[in-house]
C-alpha atoms as a PDB file:
ATOM      1  CA  MET A   1       6.300  -6.601  26.876  1.00  0.00           C
ATOM      2  CA  ALA A   2       6.828  -9.368  24.371  1.00  0.00           C
ATOM      3  CA  SER A   3       3.923 -11.354  25.787  1.00  0.00           C
ATOM      4  CA  THR A   4       1.746  -8.233  25.785  1.00  0.00           C
ATOM      5  CA  PHE A   5       2.516  -7.611  22.138  1.00  0.00           C
ATOM      6  CA  ALA A   6       1.898 -11.263  21.208  1.00  0.00           C
ATOM      7  CA  TYR A   7      -1.464 -11.290  22.988  1.00  0.00           C
ATOM      8  CA  ALA A   8      -2.640  -8.011  21.463  1.00  0.00           C
ATOM      9  CA  ASN A   9      -1.443  -8.938  17.983  1.00  0.00           C
ATOM     10  CA  SER A  10      -3.092 -12.380  17.998  1.00  0.00           C
ATOM     11  CA  THR A  11      -6.375 -10.970  19.314  1.00  0.00           C
ATOM     12  CA  LEU A  12      -6.337  -8.274  16.651  1.00  0.00           C
ATOM     13  CA  ARG A  13      -5.792 -10.879  13.940  1.00  0.00           C
ATOM     14  CA  GLU A  14      -8.780 -12.858  15.176  1.00  0.00           C
ATOM     15  CA  GLN A  15     -10.984  -9.780  15.058  1.00  0.00           C
ATOM     16  CA  VAL A  16      -9.769  -8.828  11.580  1.00  0.00           C
ATOM     17  CA  ALA A  17     -10.564 -12.336  10.342  1.00  0.00           C
ATOM     18  CA  LEU A  18     -14.159 -11.940  11.581  1.00  0.00           C
ATOM     19  CA  LYS A  19     -14.595  -8.905   9.280  1.00  0.00           C
ATOM     20  CA  GLU A  20     -18.057  -7.432   9.848  1.00  0.00           C
ATOM     21  CA  LYS A  21     -18.719  -9.761  12.776  1.00  0.00           C
ATOM     22  CA  ARG A  22     -15.826  -8.338  14.816  1.00  0.00           C
ATOM     23  CA  SER A  23     -16.556  -7.261  18.366  1.00  0.00           C
ATOM     24  CA  VAL A  24     -16.090  -3.563  18.987  1.00  0.00           C
ATOM     25  CA  LEU A  25     -15.791  -4.199  22.723  1.00  0.00           C
ATOM     26  CA  VAL A  26     -12.851  -6.556  22.169  1.00  0.00           C
ATOM     27  CA  VAL A  27     -11.211  -4.029  19.852  1.00  0.00           C
ATOM     28  CA  PHE A  28     -11.489  -1.249  22.433  1.00  0.00           C
ATOM     29  CA  TRP A  29     -10.281  -3.640  25.129  1.00  0.00           C
ATOM     30  CA  ILE A  30      -7.081  -4.197  23.110  1.00  0.00           C
ATOM     31  CA  LEU A  31      -6.721  -0.441  22.693  1.00  0.00           C
ATOM     32  CA  ALA A  32      -7.186   0.224  26.423  1.00  0.00           C
ATOM     33  CA  PHE A  33      -4.883  -2.658  27.347  1.00  0.00           C
ATOM     34  CA  LEU A  34      -2.027  -1.380  25.185  1.00  0.00           C
ATOM     35  CA  THR A  35      -2.540   2.214  26.330  1.00  0.00           C
ATOM     36  CA  GLY A  36      -2.412   1.191  29.970  1.00  0.00           C
ATOM     37  CA  ASN A  37       0.745  -0.877  29.515  1.00  0.00           C
ATOM     38  CA  THR A  38       2.496   1.918  27.631  1.00  0.00           C
ATOM     39  CA  LEU A  39       1.626   4.607  30.177  1.00  0.00           C
ATOM     40  CA  TYR A  40       2.629   2.346  33.072  1.00  0.00           C
ATOM     41  CA  LEU A  41       5.974   1.600  31.436  1.00  0.00           C
ATOM     42  CA  LEU A  42       6.794   5.231  30.718  1.00  0.00           C
ATOM     43  CA  TYR A  43       5.677   6.294  34.189  1.00  0.00           C
ATOM     44  CA  THR A  44       7.745   3.609  35.918  1.00  0.00           C
ATOM     45  CA  PHE A  45      10.930   4.693  34.124  1.00  0.00           C
ATOM     46  CA  SER A  46      10.034   8.373  33.910  1.00  0.00           C
ATOM     47  CA  SER A  47      13.374   9.342  35.475  1.00  0.00           C
ATOM     48  CA  GLN A  48      15.164   7.941  32.441  1.00  0.00           C
ATOM     49  CA  GLN A  49      12.946   9.887  30.018  1.00  0.00           C
ATOM     50  CA  LEU A  50      12.772   6.995  27.583  1.00  0.00           C
ATOM     51  CA  TYR A  51      10.094   8.806  25.584  1.00  0.00           C
ATOM     52  CA  ASN A  52      12.801  11.161  24.323  1.00  0.00           C
ATOM     53  CA  SER A  53      14.065   8.453  22.001  1.00  0.00           C
ATOM     54  CA  LEU A  54      10.726   8.517  20.202  1.00  0.00           C
ATOM     55  CA  ILE A  55      11.365  12.092  19.132  1.00  0.00           C
ATOM     56  CA  PHE A  56      15.040  11.534  18.222  1.00  0.00           C
ATOM     57  CA  LEU A  57      16.438  12.839  21.521  1.00  0.00           C
ATOM     58  CA  LYS A  58      18.769  11.197  24.005  1.00  0.00           C
ATOM     59  CA  PRO A  59      17.172   9.742  27.151  1.00  0.00           C
ATOM     60  CA  ASN A  60      18.365  10.788  30.587  1.00  0.00           C
ATOM     61  CA  LEU A  61      21.005   8.169  31.376  1.00  0.00           C
ATOM     62  CA  ASP A  62      24.303   8.561  33.180  1.00  0.00           C
ATOM     63  CA  ARG A  63      26.277   6.762  30.503  1.00  0.00           C
ATOM     64  CA  LEU A  64      25.403   5.033  27.283  1.00  0.00           C
ATOM     65  CA  ASP A  65      26.854   1.545  27.338  1.00  0.00           C
ATOM     66  CA  PHE A  66      25.728  -1.406  25.273  1.00  0.00           C
ATOM     67  CA  PHE A  67      23.177  -2.567  27.855  1.00  0.00           C
ATOM     68  CA  ASN A  68      21.578   0.876  28.042  1.00  0.00           C
ATOM     69  CA  LEU A  69      21.601   1.071  24.260  1.00  0.00           C
ATOM     70  CA  MET A  70      19.683  -2.193  23.928  1.00  0.00           C
ATOM     71  CA  TRP A  71      17.317  -1.056  26.692  1.00  0.00           C
ATOM     72  CA  ILE A  72      16.500   2.224  24.963  1.00  0.00           C
ATOM     73  CA  VAL A  73      16.146   0.699  21.500  1.00  0.00           C
ATOM     74  CA  GLY A  74      14.028  -2.208  22.781  1.00  0.00           C
ATOM     75  CA  ILE A  75      11.627  -0.049  24.788  1.00  0.00           C
ATOM     76  CA  ALA A  76      11.188   2.401  21.916  1.00  0.00           C
ATOM     77  CA  ASP A  77      10.546  -0.420  19.462  1.00  0.00           C
ATOM     78  CA  PHE A  78       7.880  -2.035  21.673  1.00  0.00           C
ATOM     79  CA  VAL A  79       6.152   1.296  22.258  1.00  0.00           C
ATOM     80  CA  LEU A  80       5.992   1.867  18.506  1.00  0.00           C
ATOM     81  CA  LYS A  81       4.616  -1.657  18.008  1.00  0.00           C
ATOM     82  CA  PHE A  82       1.912  -0.926  20.584  1.00  0.00           C
ATOM     83  CA  LEU A  83       1.099   2.315  18.792  1.00  0.00           C
ATOM     84  CA  THR A  84       0.846   0.465  15.477  1.00  0.00           C
ATOM     85  CA  ILE A  85      -1.631  -2.057  16.871  1.00  0.00           C
ATOM     86  CA  ALA A  86      -3.617   0.774  18.477  1.00  0.00           C
ATOM     87  CA  LEU A  87      -3.967   2.553  15.129  1.00  0.00           C
ATOM     88  CA  LYS A  88      -5.093  -0.678  13.476  1.00  0.00           C
ATOM     89  CA  CYS A  89      -7.673  -1.096  16.224  1.00  0.00           C
ATOM     90  CA  LEU A  90      -9.072   2.349  15.470  1.00  0.00           C
ATOM     91  CA  VAL A  91      -9.380   1.450  11.794  1.00  0.00           C
ATOM     92  CA  LEU A  92     -10.983  -1.898  12.645  1.00  0.00           C
ATOM     93  CA  ALA A  93     -13.542  -0.245  14.924  1.00  0.00           C
ATOM     94  CA  LEU A  94     -14.846   1.989  12.135  1.00  0.00           C
ATOM     95  CA  PRO A  95     -18.262   0.898  10.821  1.00  0.00           C
ATOM     96  CA  LYS A  96     -18.618  -0.225   7.220  1.00  0.00           C
ATOM     97  CA  VAL A  97     -20.689   2.887   6.486  1.00  0.00           C
ATOM     98  CA  ILE A  98     -17.568   5.002   6.990  1.00  0.00           C
ATOM     99  CA  LEU A  99     -14.949   2.546   5.718  1.00  0.00           C
ATOM    100  CA  ALA A 100     -15.644  -0.674   3.812  1.00  0.00           C
ATOM    101  CA  VAL A 101     -14.147  -3.917   5.061  1.00  0.00           C
ATOM    102  CA  LYS A 102     -12.117  -4.430   1.869  1.00  0.00           C
ATOM    103  CA  SER A 103     -10.687  -0.902   2.115  1.00  0.00           C
ATOM    104  CA  LYS A 104      -9.502  -1.454   5.684  1.00  0.00           C
ATOM    105  CA  GLY A 105      -6.807  -3.836   4.456  1.00  0.00           C
ATOM    106  CA  LYS A 106      -5.206  -0.998   2.496  1.00  0.00           C
ATOM    107  CA  PHE A 107      -5.049   1.157   5.628  1.00  0.00           C
ATOM    108  CA  TYR A 108      -3.576  -1.737   7.606  1.00  0.00           C
ATOM    109  CA  LEU A 109      -0.828  -1.996   4.993  1.00  0.00           C
ATOM    110  CA  VAL A 110      -0.065   1.741   5.050  1.00  0.00           C
ATOM    111  CA  ILE A 111       0.026   1.817   8.862  1.00  0.00           C
ATOM    112  CA  GLU A 112       2.346  -1.178   8.987  1.00  0.00           C
ATOM    113  CA  GLU A 113       4.774   0.191   6.393  1.00  0.00           C
ATOM    114  CA  LEU A 114       4.886   3.629   8.046  1.00  0.00           C
ATOM    115  CA  SER A 115       5.514   1.934  11.373  1.00  0.00           C
ATOM    116  CA  GLN A 116       8.384  -0.071   9.923  1.00  0.00           C
ATOM    117  CA  LEU A 117       9.918   3.101   8.484  1.00  0.00           C
ATOM    118  CA  PHE A 118       9.614   5.068  11.722  1.00  0.00           C
ATOM    119  CA  ARG A 119      10.962   2.166  13.785  1.00  0.00           C
ATOM    120  CA  SER A 120      13.956   2.110  11.471  1.00  0.00           C
ATOM    121  CA  LEU A 121      14.610   5.838  11.939  1.00  0.00           C
ATOM    122  CA  VAL A 122      14.185   6.097  15.725  1.00  0.00           C
ATOM    123  CA  PRO A 123      17.369   4.271  16.893  1.00  0.00           C
ATOM    124  CA  ILE A 124      19.716   6.110  14.505  1.00  0.00           C
ATOM    125  CA  GLN A 125      20.478   8.964  16.879  1.00  0.00           C
ATOM    126  CA  VAL A 126      21.126   6.636  19.826  1.00  0.00           C
ATOM    127  CA  TRP A 127      23.405   4.396  17.778  1.00  0.00           C
ATOM    128  CA  TYR A 128      25.427   7.384  16.601  1.00  0.00           C
ATOM    129  CA  LYS A 129      25.847   8.495  20.200  1.00  0.00           C
ATOM    130  CA  TYR A 130      27.001   5.034  21.186  1.00  0.00           C
ATOM    131  CA  ILE A 131      29.439   4.631  18.272  1.00  0.00           C
ATOM    132  CA  VAL A 132      31.051   8.048  18.606  1.00  0.00           C
ATOM    133  CA  GLY A 133      30.967   8.016  22.414  1.00  0.00           C
ATOM    134  CA  ASP A 134      30.909  10.835  24.908  1.00  0.00           C
ATOM    135  CA  ASP A 135      34.669  10.838  25.473  1.00  0.00           C
ATOM    136  CA  PRO A 136      36.355  13.208  23.001  1.00  0.00           C
ATOM    137  CA  SER A 137      39.722  11.522  23.598  1.00  0.00           C
ATOM    138  CA  GLY A 138      38.471   8.341  21.932  1.00  0.00           C
ATOM    139  CA  SER A 139      39.599   7.110  18.567  1.00  0.00           C
ATOM    140  CA  TYR A 140      37.999   9.273  15.893  1.00  0.00           C
ATOM    141  CA  PHE A 141      39.341   7.036  13.129  1.00  0.00           C
ATOM    142  CA  LEU A 142      37.625   3.886  14.379  1.00  0.00           C
ATOM    143  CA  GLY A 143      34.498   5.793  15.278  1.00  0.00           C
ATOM    144  CA  GLY A 144      34.392   7.365  11.817  1.00  0.00           C
ATOM    145  CA  ILE A 145      34.709   3.997  10.087  1.00  0.00           C
ATOM    146  CA  LEU A 146      31.934   2.528  12.218  1.00  0.00           C
ATOM    147  CA  VAL A 147      29.695   5.526  11.564  1.00  0.00           C
ATOM    148  CA  ILE A 148      30.243   5.209   7.802  1.00  0.00           C
ATOM    149  CA  MET A 149      29.499   1.492   7.836  1.00  0.00           C
ATOM    150  CA  TYR A 150      26.394   1.989   9.948  1.00  0.00           C
ATOM    151  CA  SER A 151      25.228   4.846   7.732  1.00  0.00           C
ATOM    152  CA  LEU A 152      25.589   2.746   4.580  1.00  0.00           C
ATOM    153  CA  CYS A 153      23.693  -0.194   6.041  1.00  0.00           C
ATOM    154  CA  LYS A 154      21.006   2.076   7.421  1.00  0.00           C
ATOM    155  CA  SER A 155      20.686   3.925   4.114  1.00  0.00           C
ATOM    156  CA  PHE A 156      19.889   0.712   2.227  1.00  0.00           C
ATOM    157  CA  ASP A 157      17.391  -0.251   4.893  1.00  0.00           C
ATOM    158  CA  ILE A 158      15.660   3.127   4.831  1.00  0.00           C
ATOM    159  CA  CYS A 159      15.528   3.157   1.023  1.00  0.00           C
ATOM    160  CA  GLY A 160      13.776  -0.218   1.109  1.00  0.00           C
ATOM    161  CA  ARG A 161      11.324   1.025   3.731  1.00  0.00           C
ATOM    162  CA  VAL A 162      10.554   4.143   1.721  1.00  0.00           C
ATOM    163  CA  GLY A 163       9.919   2.027  -1.369  1.00  0.00           C
ATOM    164  CA  SER A 164       7.505  -0.145   0.600  1.00  0.00           C
ATOM    165  CA  VAL A 165       5.675   2.941   1.873  1.00  0.00           C
ATOM    166  CA  ARG A 166       5.330   4.259  -1.681  1.00  0.00           C
ATOM    167  CA  LYS A 167       3.898   0.950  -2.863  1.00  0.00           C
ATOM    168  CA  ALA A 168       1.442   0.894   0.043  1.00  0.00           C
ATOM    169  CA  LEU A 169       0.309   4.457  -0.712  1.00  0.00           C
ATOM    170  CA  LYS A 170      -0.067   3.533  -4.376  1.00  0.00           C
ATOM    171  CA  VAL A 171      -2.298   0.605  -3.418  1.00  0.00           C
ATOM    172  CA  LEU A 172      -4.311   2.907  -1.144  1.00  0.00           C
ATOM    173  CA  CYS A 173      -4.846   5.487  -3.884  1.00  0.00           C
ATOM    174  CA  THR A 174      -5.653   2.932  -6.581  1.00  0.00           C
ATOM    175  CA  PRO A 175      -9.407   2.516  -7.025  1.00  0.00           C
ATOM    176  CA  GLN A 176     -10.733  -0.974  -6.640  1.00  0.00           C
ATOM    177  CA  VAL A 177     -11.977  -2.461  -9.887  1.00  0.00           C
ATOM    178  CA  ARG A 178     -14.618  -5.103  -9.589  1.00  0.00           C
ATOM    179  CA  SER A 179     -15.072  -7.543 -12.411  1.00  0.00           C
ATOM    180  CA  GLU A 180     -17.928  -9.968 -12.248  1.00  0.00           C
ATOM    181  CA  VAL A 181     -18.196 -12.816 -14.696  1.00  0.00           C
ATOM    182  CA  SER A 182     -21.466 -14.705 -14.699  1.00  0.00           C
ATOM    183  CA  ARG A 183     -22.004 -17.942 -16.541  1.00  0.00           C
ATOM    184  CA  SER A 184     -24.183 -20.985 -16.313  1.00  0.00           C
ATOM    185  CA  SER A 185     -22.221 -24.212 -16.684  1.00  0.00           C
ATOM    186  CA  LEU A 186     -22.738 -27.937 -16.410  1.00  0.00           C
ATOM    187  CA  ARG A 187     -19.506 -29.832 -15.759  1.00  0.00           C
ATOM    188  CA  GLY A 188     -18.474 -33.238 -17.026  1.00  0.00           C
ATOM    189  CA  GLY A 189     -18.951 -32.684 -20.738  1.00  0.00           C
ATOM    190  CA  ALA A 190     -22.395 -31.096 -20.394  1.00  0.00           C
ATOM    191  CA  LEU A 191     -23.706 -28.186 -22.429  1.00  0.00           C
ATOM    192  CA  PHE A 192     -23.741 -24.612 -21.211  1.00  0.00           C
ATOM    193  CA  LEU A 193     -25.569 -21.631 -22.590  1.00  0.00           C
ATOM    194  CA  LEU A 194     -23.676 -18.642 -23.979  1.00  0.00           C
ATOM    195  CA  ASN A 195     -26.581 -16.630 -25.315  1.00  0.00           C
ATOM    196  CA  ASP A 196     -30.200 -16.469 -24.345  1.00  0.00           C
ATOM    197  CA  LYS A 197     -31.406 -15.975 -27.889  1.00  0.00           C
ATOM    198  CA  ILE A 198     -33.333 -18.980 -29.147  1.00  0.00           C
ATOM    199  CA  GLU A 199     -34.360 -19.695 -32.670  1.00  0.00           C
ATOM    200  CA  THR A 200     -36.607 -22.403 -33.902  1.00  0.00           C
ATOM    201  CA  CYS A 201     -36.353 -24.691 -36.821  1.00  0.00           C
ATOM    202  CA  SER A 202     -39.280 -26.534 -38.311  1.00  0.00           C
ATOM    203  CA  VAL A 203     -39.216 -30.207 -39.018  1.00  0.00           C
ATOM    204  CA  HIS A 204     -41.388 -31.403 -41.841  1.00  0.00           C
ATOM    205  CA  SER A 205     -42.128 -34.986 -42.606  1.00  0.00           C
ATOM    206  CA  THR A 206     -44.687 -36.778 -44.708  1.00  0.00           C
ATOM    207  CA  GLU A 207     -46.744 -37.942 -41.733  1.00  0.00           C
ATOM    208  CA  TRP A 208     -46.232 -35.235 -39.006  1.00  0.00           C
ATOM    209  CA  SER A 209     -44.598 -31.899 -38.329  1.00  0.00           C
ATOM    210  CA  THR A 210     -43.190 -30.360 -35.152  1.00  0.00           C
ATOM    211  CA  VAL A 211     -40.994 -27.485 -33.982  1.00  0.00           C
ATOM    212  CA  ILE A 212     -37.576 -28.146 -32.435  1.00  0.00           C
ATOM    213  CA  PRO A 213     -35.801 -25.292 -30.598  1.00  0.00           C
ATOM    214  CA  CYS A 214     -32.232 -24.653 -31.673  1.00  0.00           C
ATOM    215  CA  TRP A 215     -29.726 -22.518 -29.856  1.00  0.00           C
ATOM    216  CA  THR A 216     -27.681 -20.280 -32.076  1.00  0.00           C
ATOM    217  CA  SER A 217     -25.013 -19.681 -29.454  1.00  0.00           C
ATOM    218  CA  TRP A 218     -24.246 -22.689 -27.320  1.00  0.00           C
ATOM    219  CA  GLY A 219     -21.447 -25.132 -27.173  1.00  0.00           C
ATOM    220  CA  LEU A 220     -19.774 -28.025 -25.541  1.00  0.00           C
ATOM    221  CA  LEU A 221     -17.372 -27.637 -22.616  1.00  0.00           C
ATOM    222  CA  SER A 222     -14.335 -29.350 -24.086  1.00  0.00           C
ATOM    223  CA  GLY A 223     -11.958 -30.046 -21.171  1.00  0.00           C
ATOM    224  CA  MET A 224      -9.799 -27.050 -20.301  1.00  0.00           C
ATOM    225  CA  SER A 225      -9.235 -25.938 -23.884  1.00  0.00           C
ATOM    226  CA  GLY A 226     -11.935 -23.290 -23.818  1.00  0.00           C
ATOM    227  CA  THR A 227     -12.918 -24.063 -27.434  1.00  0.00           C
ATOM    228  CA  PHE A 228     -16.598 -23.787 -28.170  1.00  0.00           C
ATOM    229  CA  SER A 229     -18.510 -24.410 -31.376  1.00  0.00           C
ATOM    230  CA  GLY A 230     -22.098 -23.678 -32.328  1.00  0.00           C
ATOM    231  CA  ILE A 231     -24.070 -26.889 -32.646  1.00  0.00           C
ATOM    232  CA  CYS A 232     -27.542 -27.688 -33.909  1.00  0.00           C
ATOM    233  CA  PRO A 233     -29.086 -31.131 -34.088  1.00  0.00           C
ATOM    234  CA  ALA A 234     -28.021 -33.005 -37.180  1.00  0.00           C
ATOM    235  CA  PRO A 235     -30.462 -32.424 -40.054  1.00  0.00           C
ATOM    236  CA  ALA A 236     -32.874 -35.241 -40.698  1.00  0.00           C
ATOM    237  CA  VAL A 237     -34.841 -35.985 -43.801  1.00  0.00           C
ATOM    238  CA  GLY A 238     -36.911 -32.998 -44.748  1.00  0.00           C
ATOM    239  CA  ARG A 239     -35.553 -30.837 -41.841  1.00  0.00           C
ATOM    240  CA  ASP A 240     -35.056 -27.101 -42.430  1.00  0.00           C
ATOM    241  CA  CYS A 241     -32.444 -25.852 -39.976  1.00  0.00           C
ATOM    242  CA  SER A 242     -30.665 -23.214 -42.021  1.00  0.00           C
ATOM    243  CA  SER A 243     -30.783 -20.638 -39.223  1.00  0.00           C
ATOM    244  CA  ALA A 244     -28.602 -22.733 -36.931  1.00  0.00           C
ATOM    245  CA  VAL A 245     -24.934 -21.867 -36.613  1.00  0.00           C
END
């Protein structure tokens, strides 16, 4: 089961990394593979009714020792992991017309956090049964102390899981804000344009006259300081450049 989970999880990660180029056939193959393994497992051990632990009921076992406890908790945890990957596969298979690629990450997060919360709740009933025991002549004092300690530890864990679920739902409900900053830059001490408005200044001399374009809003890229100053060519003799900043 561990190898099955590792294979399915790694394949799913590869398909998620491909984004829009993911293969729907591979995604459905993972889904069918996990479904087949889960049904085969539950059918093989159907006499033990291990699926009862998924709905907070006790499986059909003669006695609940530590080995059976680990068996029940482990099987239930792997089944829930398979279910989590299957839900992610369904989200991944959706076309971008229905769900954008960037929005799928939010659903992956919500599914994962809900899975972690449910996986934390499922073994509580079985652990209580194991701690208290089926024999009423056992020590109630020791059993009570163990139940209190387990309840405290589990309460902190569940509170953390609930907080994570709330954060994931908040991220899901928060609209995505896109900010686009466009600029034209030349690195290495070059000039870059801040405004497209161009003004001209006339140059008059005794022998000839010409027109030199001057930018009213441009500056020098000065390192990482982000300080820009409006610059116009230095005035020459007879130059009228009063409009420059």
